[in-house]
Amino acid sequence: METLVAAAIGLMTASGIYLMLRGQSFPVIIGLTFLSYAVNLFLFAMGRLAIDRPPILTTPAPHADPLPQALVLTAIVISFGMTALIVVLALRGYLETGSDRVDERAPTPESEEARP
């Protein structure tokens, strides 16, 4: 089970980094989302995958660690806010330049005056 979770985290991280290195803004947003999902899975897997264990220690029996679950909830909120911000920035860049390429420059007033 741990090997499958580790492989899924690695695959999501690799695909997220690959998509973030693309030239258009939409794959960058999807890559950022994949990368945040991979980090969330990694944080959740840090607490050891335990089934039918209480999250709070009441007896000396084995228990699940509640800290990774709290970290994942915090990371979900942060990644949602970051995704909303990058979508707004990508939309603004598209409206100003007319292209969704992330490596294009915005037209300057001097370049527009020089056009015939």
PDB file of N, CA and C in Angstrom:
ATOM      1  N   MET A   1       0.822  -1.195   0.000  1.00  0.00           N
ATOM      2  CA  MET A   1       0.000   0.000   0.000  1.00  0.00           C
ATOM      3  C   MET A   1       0.863   1.253   0.000  1.00  0.00           C
ATOM      4  N   GLU A   2       1.949   1.239   0.806  1.00  0.00           N
ATOM      5  CA  GLU A   2       2.814   2.405   0.877  1.00  0.00           C
ATOM      6  C   GLU A   2       3.512   2.662  -0.450  1.00  0.00           C
ATOM      7  N   THR A   3       3.857   1.586  -1.151  1.00  0.00           N
ATOM      8  CA  THR A   3       4.513   1.741  -2.455  1.00  0.00           C
ATOM      9  C   THR A   3       3.567   2.382  -3.462  1.00  0.00           C
ATOM     10  N   LEU A   4       2.313   1.992  -3.425  1.00  0.00           N
ATOM     11  CA  LEU A   4       1.326   2.566  -4.341  1.00  0.00           C
ATOM     12  C   LEU A   4       1.106   4.049  -4.054  1.00  0.00           C
ATOM     13  N   VAL A   5       1.017   4.415  -2.796  1.00  0.00           N
ATOM     14  CA  VAL A   5       0.833   5.829  -2.430  1.00  0.00           C
ATOM     15  C   VAL A   5       2.073   6.635  -2.821  1.00  0.00           C
ATOM     16  N   ALA A   6       3.267   6.079  -2.573  1.00  0.00           N
ATOM     17  CA  ALA A   6       4.495   6.784  -2.941  1.00  0.00           C
ATOM     18  C   ALA A   6       4.602   6.951  -4.458  1.00  0.00           C
ATOM     19  N   ALA A   7       4.206   5.938  -5.219  1.00  0.00           N
ATOM     20  CA  ALA A   7       4.233   6.039  -6.680  1.00  0.00           C
ATOM     21  C   ALA A   7       3.225   7.076  -7.175  1.00  0.00           C
ATOM     22  N   ALA A   8       2.051   7.131  -6.550  1.00  0.00           N
ATOM     23  CA  ALA A   8       1.041   8.121  -6.943  1.00  0.00           C
ATOM     24  C   ALA A   8       1.523   9.538  -6.641  1.00  0.00           C
ATOM     25  N   ILE A   9       2.154   9.712  -5.485  1.00  0.00           N
ATOM     26  CA  ILE A   9       2.687  11.035  -5.135  1.00  0.00           C
ATOM     27  C   ILE A   9       3.780  11.438  -6.105  1.00  0.00           C
ATOM     28  N   GLY A  10       4.672  10.512  -6.444  1.00  0.00           N
ATOM     29  CA  GLY A  10       5.744  10.809  -7.403  1.00  0.00           C
ATOM     30  C   GLY A  10       5.216  11.122  -8.785  1.00  0.00           C
ATOM     31  N   LEU A  11       4.212  10.371  -9.240  1.00  0.00           N
ATOM     32  CA  LEU A  11       3.626  10.619 -10.561  1.00  0.00           C
ATOM     33  C   LEU A  11       2.918  11.966 -10.617  1.00  0.00           C
ATOM     34  N   MET A  12       2.177  12.305  -9.561  1.00  0.00           N
ATOM     35  CA  MET A  12       1.493  13.592  -9.540  1.00  0.00           C
ATOM     36  C   MET A  12       2.485  14.750  -9.459  1.00  0.00           C
ATOM     37  N   THR A  13       3.580  14.556  -8.715  1.00  0.00           N
ATOM     38  CA  THR A  13       4.604  15.596  -8.636  1.00  0.00           C
ATOM     39  C   THR A  13       5.279  15.790  -9.985  1.00  0.00           C
ATOM     40  N   ALA A  14       5.632  14.702 -10.649  1.00  0.00           N
ATOM     41  CA  ALA A  14       6.298  14.794 -11.950  1.00  0.00           C
ATOM     42  C   ALA A  14       5.390  15.437 -12.997  1.00  0.00           C
ATOM     43  N   SER A  15       4.118  15.030 -13.027  1.00  0.00           N
ATOM     44  CA  SER A  15       3.216  15.627 -14.012  1.00  0.00           C
ATOM     45  C   SER A  15       2.932  17.090 -13.679  1.00  0.00           C
ATOM     46  N   GLY A  16       2.870  17.428 -12.401  1.00  0.00           N
ATOM     47  CA  GLY A  16       2.655  18.823 -12.016  1.00  0.00           C
ATOM     48  C   GLY A  16       3.817  19.705 -12.413  1.00  0.00           C
ATOM     49  N   ILE A  17       5.037  19.235 -12.199  1.00  0.00           N
ATOM     50  CA  ILE A  17       6.216  20.023 -12.596  1.00  0.00           C
ATOM     51  C   ILE A  17       6.298  20.136 -14.107  1.00  0.00           C
ATOM     52  N   TYR A  18       5.996  19.040 -14.820  1.00  0.00           N
ATOM     53  CA  TYR A  18       6.013  19.096 -16.285  1.00  0.00           C
ATOM     54  C   TYR A  18       5.004  20.121 -16.806  1.00  0.00           C
ATOM     55  N   LEU A  19       3.805  20.106 -16.258  1.00  0.00           N
ATOM     56  CA  LEU A  19       2.785  21.047 -16.725  1.00  0.00           C
ATOM     57  C   LEU A  19       3.116  22.484 -16.336  1.00  0.00           C
ATOM     58  N   MET A  20       3.777  22.673 -15.199  1.00  0.00           N
ATOM     59  CA  MET A  20       4.138  24.031 -14.795  1.00  0.00           C
ATOM     60  C   MET A  20       5.218  24.627 -15.690  1.00  0.00           C
ATOM     61  N   LEU A  21       5.969  23.795 -16.388  1.00  0.00           N
ATOM     62  CA  LEU A  21       7.012  24.285 -17.281  1.00  0.00           C
ATOM     63  C   LEU A  21       6.511  24.512 -18.699  1.00  0.00           C
ATOM     64  N   ARG A  22       5.231  24.348 -18.947  1.00  0.00           N
ATOM     65  CA  ARG A  22       4.657  24.573 -20.274  1.00  0.00           C
ATOM     66  C   ARG A  22       4.591  26.071 -20.575  1.00  0.00           C
ATOM     67  N   GLY A  23       4.277  26.409 -21.814  1.00  0.00           N
ATOM     68  CA  GLY A  23       4.289  27.803 -22.231  1.00  0.00           C
ATOM     69  C   GLY A  23       2.970  28.539 -22.084  1.00  0.00           C
ATOM     70  N   GLN A  24       1.861  27.822 -21.932  1.00  0.00           N
ATOM     71  CA  GLN A  24       0.564  28.483 -21.800  1.00  0.00           C
ATOM     72  C   GLN A  24       0.162  28.547 -20.332  1.00  0.00           C
ATOM     73  N   SER A  25      -0.780  29.427 -20.030  1.00  0.00           N
ATOM     74  CA  SER A  25      -1.150  29.632 -18.631  1.00  0.00           C
ATOM     75  C   SER A  25      -2.068  28.529 -18.101  1.00  0.00           C
ATOM     76  N   PHE A  26      -2.929  27.938 -18.944  1.00  0.00           N
ATOM     77  CA  PHE A  26      -3.831  26.903 -18.441  1.00  0.00           C
ATOM     78  C   PHE A  26      -3.082  25.661 -17.955  1.00  0.00           C
ATOM     79  N   PRO A  27      -2.105  25.128 -18.705  1.00  0.00           N
ATOM     80  CA  PRO A  27      -1.344  23.998 -18.153  1.00  0.00           C
ATOM     81  C   PRO A  27      -0.558  24.357 -16.891  1.00  0.00           C
ATOM     82  N   VAL A  28      -0.138  25.598 -16.764  1.00  0.00           N
ATOM     83  CA  VAL A  28       0.556  26.015 -15.541  1.00  0.00           C
ATOM     84  C   VAL A  28      -0.403  25.937 -14.346  1.00  0.00           C
ATOM     85  N   ILE A  29      -1.639  26.346 -14.534  1.00  0.00           N
ATOM     86  CA  ILE A  29      -2.628  26.284 -13.456  1.00  0.00           C
ATOM     87  C   ILE A  29      -2.930  24.836 -13.095  1.00  0.00           C
ATOM     88  N   ILE A  30      -3.097  23.972 -14.093  1.00  0.00           N
ATOM     89  CA  ILE A  30      -3.357  22.555 -13.831  1.00  0.00           C
ATOM     90  C   ILE A  30      -2.150  21.912 -13.148  1.00  0.00           C
ATOM     91  N   GLY A  31      -0.933  22.272 -13.579  1.00  0.00           N
ATOM     92  CA  GLY A  31       0.273  21.744 -12.951  1.00  0.00           C
ATOM     93  C   GLY A  31       0.398  22.167 -11.507  1.00  0.00           C
ATOM     94  N   LEU A  32       0.045  23.399 -11.212  1.00  0.00           N
ATOM     95  CA  LEU A  32       0.068  23.874  -9.830  1.00  0.00           C
ATOM     96  C   LEU A  32      -0.952  23.110  -8.982  1.00  0.00           C
ATOM     97  N   THR A  33      -2.092  22.803  -9.562  1.00  0.00           N
ATOM     98  CA  THR A  33      -3.110  22.034  -8.848  1.00  0.00           C
ATOM     99  C   THR A  33      -2.614  20.613  -8.579  1.00  0.00           C
ATOM    100  N   PHE A  34      -2.006  19.962  -9.583  1.00  0.00           N
ATOM    101  CA  PHE A  34      -1.453  18.618  -9.372  1.00  0.00           C
ATOM    102  C   PHE A  34      -0.371  18.634  -8.299  1.00  0.00           C
ATOM    103  N   LEU A  35       0.466  19.647  -8.322  1.00  0.00           N
ATOM    104  CA  LEU A  35       1.539  19.730  -7.340  1.00  0.00           C
ATOM    105  C   LEU A  35       0.975  19.930  -5.927  1.00  0.00           C
ATOM    106  N   SER A  36      -0.067  20.729  -5.798  1.00  0.00           N
ATOM    107  CA  SER A  36      -0.662  20.913  -4.476  1.00  0.00           C
ATOM    108  C   SER A  36      -1.362  19.635  -4.005  1.00  0.00           C
ATOM    109  N   TYR A  37      -1.985  18.877  -4.922  1.00  0.00           N
ATOM    110  CA  TYR A  37      -2.576  17.588  -4.547  1.00  0.00           C
ATOM    111  C   TYR A  37      -1.498  16.612  -4.089  1.00  0.00           C
ATOM    112  N   ALA A  38      -0.359  16.617  -4.763  1.00  0.00           N
ATOM    113  CA  ALA A  38       0.736  15.724  -4.381  1.00  0.00           C
ATOM    114  C   ALA A  38       1.268  16.082  -2.997  1.00  0.00           C
ATOM    115  N   VAL A  39       1.386  17.361  -2.710  1.00  0.00           N
ATOM    116  CA  VAL A  39       1.846  17.781  -1.382  1.00  0.00           C
ATOM    117  C   VAL A  39       0.827  17.384  -0.318  1.00  0.00           C
ATOM    118  N   ASN A  40      -0.467  17.519  -0.626  1.00  0.00           N
ATOM    119  CA  ASN A  40      -1.495  17.115   0.327  1.00  0.00           C
ATOM    120  C   ASN A  40      -1.436  15.616   0.607  1.00  0.00           C
ATOM    121  N   LEU A  41      -1.252  14.803  -0.435  1.00  0.00           N
ATOM    122  CA  LEU A  41      -1.125  13.364  -0.233  1.00  0.00           C
ATOM    123  C   LEU A  41       0.124  13.028   0.568  1.00  0.00           C
ATOM    124  N   PHE A  42       1.214  13.744   0.304  1.00  0.00           N
ATOM    125  CA  PHE A  42       2.446  13.507   1.048  1.00  0.00           C
ATOM    126  C   PHE A  42       2.255  13.831   2.527  1.00  0.00           C
ATOM    127  N   LEU A  43       1.616  14.953   2.820  1.00  0.00           N
ATOM    128  CA  LEU A  43       1.369  15.320   4.214  1.00  0.00           C
ATOM    129  C   LEU A  43       0.451  14.312   4.905  1.00  0.00           C
ATOM    130  N   PHE A  44      -0.541  13.837   4.169  1.00  0.00           N
ATOM    131  CA  PHE A  44      -1.459  12.859   4.739  1.00  0.00           C
ATOM    132  C   PHE A  44      -0.765  11.518   4.978  1.00  0.00           C
ATOM    133  N   ALA A  45       0.118  11.120   4.073  1.00  0.00           N
ATOM    134  CA  ALA A  45       0.840   9.855   4.224  1.00  0.00           C
ATOM    135  C   ALA A  45       1.901   9.929   5.325  1.00  0.00           C
ATOM    136  N   MET A  46       2.309  11.145   5.698  1.00  0.00           N
ATOM    137  CA  MET A  46       3.276  11.283   6.788  1.00  0.00           C
ATOM    138  C   MET A  46       2.727  10.740   8.105  1.00  0.00           C
ATOM    139  N   GLY A  47       1.436  10.796   8.292  1.00  0.00           N
ATOM    140  CA  GLY A  47       0.825  10.335   9.524  1.00  0.00           C
ATOM    141  C   GLY A  47       0.643   8.842   9.571  1.00  0.00           C
ATOM    142  N   ARG A  48       1.276   8.109   8.696  1.00  0.00           N
ATOM    143  CA  ARG A  48       1.178   6.654   8.575  1.00  0.00           C
ATOM    144  C   ARG A  48      -0.246   6.261   8.228  1.00  0.00           C
ATOM    145  N   LEU A  49      -0.352   5.391   7.276  1.00  0.00           N
ATOM    146  CA  LEU A  49      -1.664   4.936   6.848  1.00  0.00           C
ATOM    147  C   LEU A  49      -2.173   3.907   7.860  1.00  0.00           C
ATOM    148  N   ALA A  50      -3.030   4.325   8.756  1.00  0.00           N
ATOM    149  CA  ALA A  50      -3.566   3.445   9.791  1.00  0.00           C
ATOM    150  C   ALA A  50      -5.071   3.332   9.611  1.00  0.00           C
ATOM    151  N   ILE A  51      -5.564   2.102   9.651  1.00  0.00           N
ATOM    152  CA  ILE A  51      -6.995   1.860   9.472  1.00  0.00           C
ATOM    153  C   ILE A  51      -7.583   1.452  10.820  1.00  0.00           C
ATOM    154  N   ASP A  52      -8.753   1.978  11.137  1.00  0.00           N
ATOM    155  CA  ASP A  52      -9.479   1.672  12.374  1.00  0.00           C
ATOM    156  C   ASP A  52      -8.662   1.993  13.623  1.00  0.00           C
ATOM    157  N   ARG A  53      -7.967   3.101  13.593  1.00  0.00           N
ATOM    158  CA  ARG A  53      -7.231   3.562  14.771  1.00  0.00           C
ATOM    159  C   ARG A  53      -7.812   4.907  15.199  1.00  0.00           C
ATOM    160  N   PRO A  54      -7.943   5.149  16.477  1.00  0.00           N
ATOM    161  CA  PRO A  54      -8.491   6.444  16.910  1.00  0.00           C
ATOM    162  C   PRO A  54      -7.480   7.562  16.671  1.00  0.00           C
ATOM    163  N   PRO A  55      -7.953   8.750  16.256  1.00  0.00           N
ATOM    164  CA  PRO A  55      -7.026   9.861  16.020  1.00  0.00           C
ATOM    165  C   PRO A  55      -6.529  10.526  17.300  1.00  0.00           C
ATOM    166  N   ILE A  56      -7.183  10.273  18.417  1.00  0.00           N
ATOM    167  CA  ILE A  56      -6.794  10.876  19.692  1.00  0.00           C
ATOM    168  C   ILE A  56      -6.425   9.753  20.648  1.00  0.00           C
ATOM    169  N   LEU A  57      -5.322   9.938  21.331  1.00  0.00           N
ATOM    170  CA  LEU A  57      -4.836   8.918  22.247  1.00  0.00           C
ATOM    171  C   LEU A  57      -5.689   8.895  23.512  1.00  0.00           C
ATOM    172  N   THR A  58      -6.437   7.805  23.677  1.00  0.00           N
ATOM    173  CA  THR A  58      -7.244   7.638  24.889  1.00  0.00           C
ATOM    174  C   THR A  58      -6.725   6.489  25.733  1.00  0.00           C
ATOM    175  N   THR A  59      -6.175   5.507  25.088  1.00  0.00           N
ATOM    176  CA  THR A  59      -5.608   4.354  25.784  1.00  0.00           C
ATOM    177  C   THR A  59      -4.188   4.153  25.266  1.00  0.00           C
ATOM    178  N   PRO A  60      -3.420   3.295  25.880  1.00  0.00           N
ATOM    179  CA  PRO A  60      -2.061   3.059  25.384  1.00  0.00           C
ATOM    180  C   PRO A  60      -2.011   2.294  24.060  1.00  0.00           C
ATOM    181  N   ALA A  61      -3.135   2.093  23.408  1.00  0.00           N
ATOM    182  CA  ALA A  61      -3.168   1.375  22.133  1.00  0.00           C
ATOM    183  C   ALA A  61      -2.611   2.250  21.015  1.00  0.00           C
ATOM    184  N   PRO A  62      -2.240   1.672  19.872  1.00  0.00           N
ATOM    185  CA  PRO A  62      -1.747   2.475  18.732  1.00  0.00           C
ATOM    186  C   PRO A  62      -2.819   3.457  18.252  1.00  0.00           C
ATOM    187  N   HIS A  63      -2.387   4.614  17.821  1.00  0.00           N
ATOM    188  CA  HIS A  63      -3.325   5.642  17.388  1.00  0.00           C
ATOM    189  C   HIS A  63      -2.804   6.303  16.118  1.00  0.00           C
ATOM    190  N   ALA A  64      -3.681   7.006  15.443  1.00  0.00           N
ATOM    191  CA  ALA A  64      -3.316   7.772  14.250  1.00  0.00           C
ATOM    192  C   ALA A  64      -2.890   9.170  14.688  1.00  0.00           C
ATOM    193  N   ASP A  65      -1.947   9.737  13.957  1.00  0.00           N
ATOM    194  CA  ASP A  65      -1.446  11.064  14.293  1.00  0.00           C
ATOM    195  C   ASP A  65      -2.388  12.120  13.709  1.00  0.00           C
ATOM    196  N   PRO A  66      -2.977  13.010  14.505  1.00  0.00           N
ATOM    197  CA  PRO A  66      -3.910  14.004  13.971  1.00  0.00           C
ATOM    198  C   PRO A  66      -3.229  15.203  13.326  1.00  0.00           C
ATOM    199  N   LEU A  67      -1.925  15.400  13.541  1.00  0.00           N
ATOM    200  CA  LEU A  67      -1.243  16.574  13.005  1.00  0.00           C
ATOM    201  C   LEU A  67      -1.224  16.602  11.475  1.00  0.00           C
ATOM    202  N   PRO A  68      -0.906  15.502  10.769  1.00  0.00           N
ATOM    203  CA  PRO A  68      -0.948  15.566   9.304  1.00  0.00           C
ATOM    204  C   PRO A  68      -2.323  15.891   8.746  1.00  0.00           C
ATOM    205  N   GLN A  69      -3.372  15.442   9.427  1.00  0.00           N
ATOM    206  CA  GLN A  69      -4.720  15.775   8.958  1.00  0.00           C
ATOM    207  C   GLN A  69      -4.980  17.272   9.077  1.00  0.00           C
ATOM    208  N   ALA A  70      -4.530  17.886  10.143  1.00  0.00           N
ATOM    209  CA  ALA A  70      -4.674  19.335  10.299  1.00  0.00           C
ATOM    210  C   ALA A  70      -3.826  20.079   9.270  1.00  0.00           C
ATOM    211  N   LEU A  71      -2.626  19.565   8.982  1.00  0.00           N
ATOM    212  CA  LEU A  71      -1.777  20.193   7.969  1.00  0.00           C
ATOM    213  C   LEU A  71      -2.400  20.107   6.587  1.00  0.00           C
ATOM    214  N   VAL A  72      -3.039  18.981   6.288  1.00  0.00           N
ATOM    215  CA  VAL A  72      -3.690  18.828   4.981  1.00  0.00           C
ATOM    216  C   VAL A  72      -4.857  19.803   4.850  1.00  0.00           C
ATOM    217  N   LEU A  73      -5.648  19.962   5.896  1.00  0.00           N
ATOM    218  CA  LEU A  73      -6.753  20.924   5.829  1.00  0.00           C
ATOM    219  C   LEU A  73      -6.238  22.344   5.603  1.00  0.00           C
ATOM    220  N   THR A  74      -5.161  22.695   6.263  1.00  0.00           N
ATOM    221  CA  THR A  74      -4.570  24.014   6.057  1.00  0.00           C
ATOM    222  C   THR A  74      -4.017  24.148   4.643  1.00  0.00           C
ATOM    223  N   ALA A  75      -3.363  23.110   4.144  1.00  0.00           N
ATOM    224  CA  ALA A  75      -2.790  23.151   2.797  1.00  0.00           C
ATOM    225  C   ALA A  75      -3.870  23.235   1.727  1.00  0.00           C
ATOM    226  N   ILE A  76      -5.014  22.620   1.957  1.00  0.00           N
ATOM    227  CA  ILE A  76      -6.116  22.702   0.992  1.00  0.00           C
ATOM    228  C   ILE A  76      -6.610  24.139   0.882  1.00  0.00           C
ATOM    229  N   VAL A  77      -6.763  24.810   1.996  1.00  0.00           N
ATOM    230  CA  VAL A  77      -7.223  26.207   1.985  1.00  0.00           C
ATOM    231  C   VAL A  77      -6.197  27.109   1.303  1.00  0.00           C
ATOM    232  N   ILE A  78      -4.920  26.906   1.604  1.00  0.00           N
ATOM    233  CA  ILE A  78      -3.873  27.726   0.981  1.00  0.00           C
ATOM    234  C   ILE A  78      -3.795  27.469  -0.506  1.00  0.00           C
ATOM    235  N   SER A  79      -3.886  26.207  -0.933  1.00  0.00           N
ATOM    236  CA  SER A  79      -3.801  25.911  -2.367  1.00  0.00           C
ATOM    237  C   SER A  79      -5.017  26.435  -3.124  1.00  0.00           C
ATOM    238  N   PHE A  80      -6.195  26.453  -2.479  1.00  0.00           N
ATOM    239  CA  PHE A  80      -7.361  27.035  -3.130  1.00  0.00           C
ATOM    240  C   PHE A  80      -7.177  28.526  -3.350  1.00  0.00           C
ATOM    241  N   GLY A  81      -6.682  29.219  -2.347  1.00  0.00           N
ATOM    242  CA  GLY A  81      -6.428  30.651  -2.495  1.00  0.00           C
ATOM    243  C   GLY A  81      -5.355  30.937  -3.534  1.00  0.00           C
ATOM    244  N   MET A  82      -4.313  30.113  -3.565  1.00  0.00           N
ATOM    245  CA  MET A  82      -3.243  30.311  -4.540  1.00  0.00           C
ATOM    246  C   MET A  82      -3.732  30.029  -5.959  1.00  0.00           C
ATOM    247  N   THR A  83      -4.586  29.012  -6.114  1.00  0.00           N
ATOM    248  CA  THR A  83      -5.140  28.714  -7.432  1.00  0.00           C
ATOM    249  C   THR A  83      -6.055  29.843  -7.904  1.00  0.00           C
ATOM    250  N   ALA A  84      -6.860  30.387  -7.009  1.00  0.00           N
ATOM    251  CA  ALA A  84      -7.728  31.511  -7.383  1.00  0.00           C
ATOM    252  C   ALA A  84      -6.897  32.715  -7.806  1.00  0.00           C
ATOM    253  N   LEU A  85      -5.813  32.985  -7.092  1.00  0.00           N
ATOM    254  CA  LEU A  85      -4.949  34.106  -7.450  1.00  0.00           C
ATOM    255  C   LEU A  85      -4.302  33.904  -8.818  1.00  0.00           C
ATOM    256  N   ILE A  86      -3.799  32.712  -9.094  1.00  0.00           N
ATOM    257  CA  ILE A  86      -3.124  32.500 -10.372  1.00  0.00           C
ATOM    258  C   ILE A  86      -4.119  32.492 -11.537  1.00  0.00           C
ATOM    259  N   VAL A  87      -5.361  32.080 -11.293  1.00  0.00           N
ATOM    260  CA  VAL A  87      -6.371  32.156 -12.354  1.00  0.00           C
ATOM    261  C   VAL A  87      -6.670  33.614 -12.683  1.00  0.00           C
ATOM    262  N   VAL A  88      -6.792  34.455 -11.666  1.00  0.00           N
ATOM    263  CA  VAL A  88      -7.044  35.883 -11.898  1.00  0.00           C
ATOM    264  C   VAL A  88      -5.858  36.521 -12.619  1.00  0.00           C
ATOM    265  N   LEU A  89      -4.631  36.177 -12.218  1.00  0.00           N
ATOM    266  CA  LEU A  89      -3.455  36.725 -12.894  1.00  0.00           C
ATOM    267  C   LEU A  89      -3.364  36.265 -14.341  1.00  0.00           C
ATOM    268  N   ALA A  90      -3.701  34.995 -14.601  1.00  0.00           N
ATOM    269  CA  ALA A  90      -3.673  34.489 -15.971  1.00  0.00           C
ATOM    270  C   ALA A  90      -4.740  35.167 -16.826  1.00  0.00           C
ATOM    271  N   LEU A  91      -5.915  35.375 -16.264  1.00  0.00           N
ATOM    272  CA  LEU A  91      -6.982  36.063 -17.003  1.00  0.00           C
ATOM    273  C   LEU A  91      -6.595  37.500 -17.301  1.00  0.00           C
ATOM    274  N   ARG A  92      -5.998  38.177 -16.336  1.00  0.00           N
ATOM    275  CA  ARG A  92      -5.569  39.561 -16.555  1.00  0.00           C
ATOM    276  C   ARG A  92      -4.467  39.629 -17.615  1.00  0.00           C
ATOM    277  N   GLY A  93      -3.534  38.689 -17.569  1.00  0.00           N
ATOM    278  CA  GLY A  93      -2.481  38.649 -18.579  1.00  0.00           C
ATOM    279  C   GLY A  93      -3.030  38.376 -19.964  1.00  0.00           C
ATOM    280  N   TYR A  94      -4.039  37.504 -20.057  1.00  0.00           N
ATOM    281  CA  TYR A  94      -4.643  37.227 -21.349  1.00  0.00           C
ATOM    282  C   TYR A  94      -5.391  38.444 -21.878  1.00  0.00           C
ATOM    283  N   LEU A  95      -6.105  39.147 -21.010  1.00  0.00           N
ATOM    284  CA  LEU A  95      -6.864  40.323 -21.460  1.00  0.00           C
ATOM    285  C   LEU A  95      -5.943  41.468 -21.878  1.00  0.00           C
ATOM    286  N   GLU A  96      -4.773  41.576 -21.249  1.00  0.00           N
ATOM    287  CA  GLU A  96      -3.858  42.662 -21.609  1.00  0.00           C
ATOM    288  C   GLU A  96      -3.021  42.357 -22.844  1.00  0.00           C
ATOM    289  N   THR A  97      -2.602  41.110 -23.008  1.00  0.00           N
ATOM    290  CA  THR A  97      -1.721  40.775 -24.129  1.00  0.00           C
ATOM    291  C   THR A  97      -2.450  40.132 -25.294  1.00  0.00           C
ATOM    292  N   GLY A  98      -3.616  39.540 -25.054  1.00  0.00           N
ATOM    293  CA  GLY A  98      -4.331  38.866 -26.121  1.00  0.00           C
ATOM    294  C   GLY A  98      -3.819  37.458 -26.378  1.00  0.00           C
ATOM    295  N   SER A  99      -2.961  36.964 -25.526  1.00  0.00           N
ATOM    296  CA  SER A  99      -2.406  35.622 -25.673  1.00  0.00           C
ATOM    297  C   SER A  99      -2.285  34.993 -24.295  1.00  0.00           C
ATOM    298  N   ASP A 100      -2.348  33.662 -24.254  1.00  0.00           N
ATOM    299  CA  ASP A 100      -2.198  33.001 -22.962  1.00  0.00           C
ATOM    300  C   ASP A 100      -0.792  32.454 -22.753  1.00  0.00           C
ATOM    301  N   ARG A 101       0.151  32.882 -23.566  1.00  0.00           N
ATOM    302  CA  ARG A 101       1.542  32.473 -23.385  1.00  0.00           C
ATOM    303  C   ARG A 101       2.106  33.165 -22.150  1.00  0.00           C
ATOM    304  N   VAL A 102       2.867  32.425 -21.349  1.00  0.00           N
ATOM    305  CA  VAL A 102       3.415  33.016 -20.137  1.00  0.00           C
ATOM    306  C   VAL A 102       4.759  33.691 -20.382  1.00  0.00           C
ATOM    307  N   ASP A 103       5.356  33.489 -21.546  1.00  0.00           N
ATOM    308  CA  ASP A 103       6.661  34.079 -21.807  1.00  0.00           C
ATOM    309  C   ASP A 103       6.602  35.257 -22.777  1.00  0.00           C
ATOM    310  N   GLU A 104       5.409  35.744 -23.106  1.00  0.00           N
ATOM    311  CA  GLU A 104       5.299  36.904 -23.983  1.00  0.00           C
ATOM    312  C   GLU A 104       5.343  38.174 -23.157  1.00  0.00           C
ATOM    313  N   ARG A 105       5.763  39.240 -23.803  1.00  0.00           N
ATOM    314  CA  ARG A 105       5.812  40.530 -23.122  1.00  0.00           C
ATOM    315  C   ARG A 105       4.578  41.335 -23.455  1.00  0.00           C
ATOM    316  N   ALA A 106       4.190  42.140 -22.503  1.00  0.00           N
ATOM    317  CA  ALA A 106       3.055  43.029 -22.732  1.00  0.00           C
ATOM    318  C   ALA A 106       3.501  44.156 -23.656  1.00  0.00           C
ATOM    319  N   PRO A 107       2.627  44.609 -24.555  1.00  0.00           N
ATOM    320  CA  PRO A 107       3.010  45.709 -25.428  1.00  0.00           C
ATOM    321  C   PRO A 107       3.224  46.995 -24.637  1.00  0.00           C
ATOM    322  N   THR A 108       4.294  47.701 -24.960  1.00  0.00           N
ATOM    323  CA  THR A 108       4.573  48.967 -24.311  1.00  0.00           C
ATOM    324  C   THR A 108       4.033  50.106 -25.164  1.00  0.00           C
ATOM    325  N   PRO A 109       3.833  51.270 -24.589  1.00  0.00           N
ATOM    326  CA  PRO A 109       3.315  52.404 -25.385  1.00  0.00           C
ATOM    327  C   PRO A 109       4.288  52.785 -26.516  1.00  0.00           C
ATOM    328  N   GLU A 110       5.598  52.616 -26.300  1.00  0.00           N
ATOM    329  CA  GLU A 110       6.563  52.963 -27.358  1.00  0.00           C
ATOM    330  C   GLU A 110       6.440  52.015 -28.548  1.00  0.00           C
ATOM    331  N   SER A 111       6.191  50.725 -28.259  1.00  0.00           N
ATOM    332  CA  SER A 111       6.088  49.772 -29.370  1.00  0.00           C
ATOM    333  C   SER A 111       4.795  49.983 -30.159  1.00  0.00           C
ATOM    334  N   GLU A 112       3.713  50.432 -29.503  1.00  0.00           N
ATOM    335  CA  GLU A 112       2.481  50.688 -30.215  1.00  0.00           C
ATOM    336  C   GLU A 112       2.567  51.954 -31.060  1.00  0.00           C
ATOM    337  N   GLU A 113       3.343  52.948 -30.609  1.00  0.00           N
ATOM    338  CA  GLU A 113       3.506  54.175 -31.402  1.00  0.00           C
ATOM    339  C   GLU A 113       4.362  53.924 -32.623  1.00  0.00           C
ATOM    340  N   ALA A 114       5.281  52.992 -32.542  1.00  0.00           N
ATOM    341  CA  ALA A 114       6.194  52.723 -33.650  1.00  0.00           C
ATOM    342  C   ALA A 114       5.517  51.918 -34.761  1.00  0.00           C
ATOM    343  N   ARG A 115       4.354  51.317 -34.475  1.00  0.00           N
ATOM    344  CA  ARG A 115       3.675  50.531 -35.488  1.00  0.00           C
ATOM    345  C   ARG A 115       3.079  51.461 -36.539  1.00  0.00           C
ATOM    346  N   PRO A 116       3.118  51.028 -37.794  1.00  0.00           N
ATOM    347  CA  PRO A 116       2.503  51.869 -38.847  1.00  0.00           C
ATOM    348  C   PRO A 116       1.017  51.799 -38.858  1.00  0.00           C
TER     349      PRO A 116
END
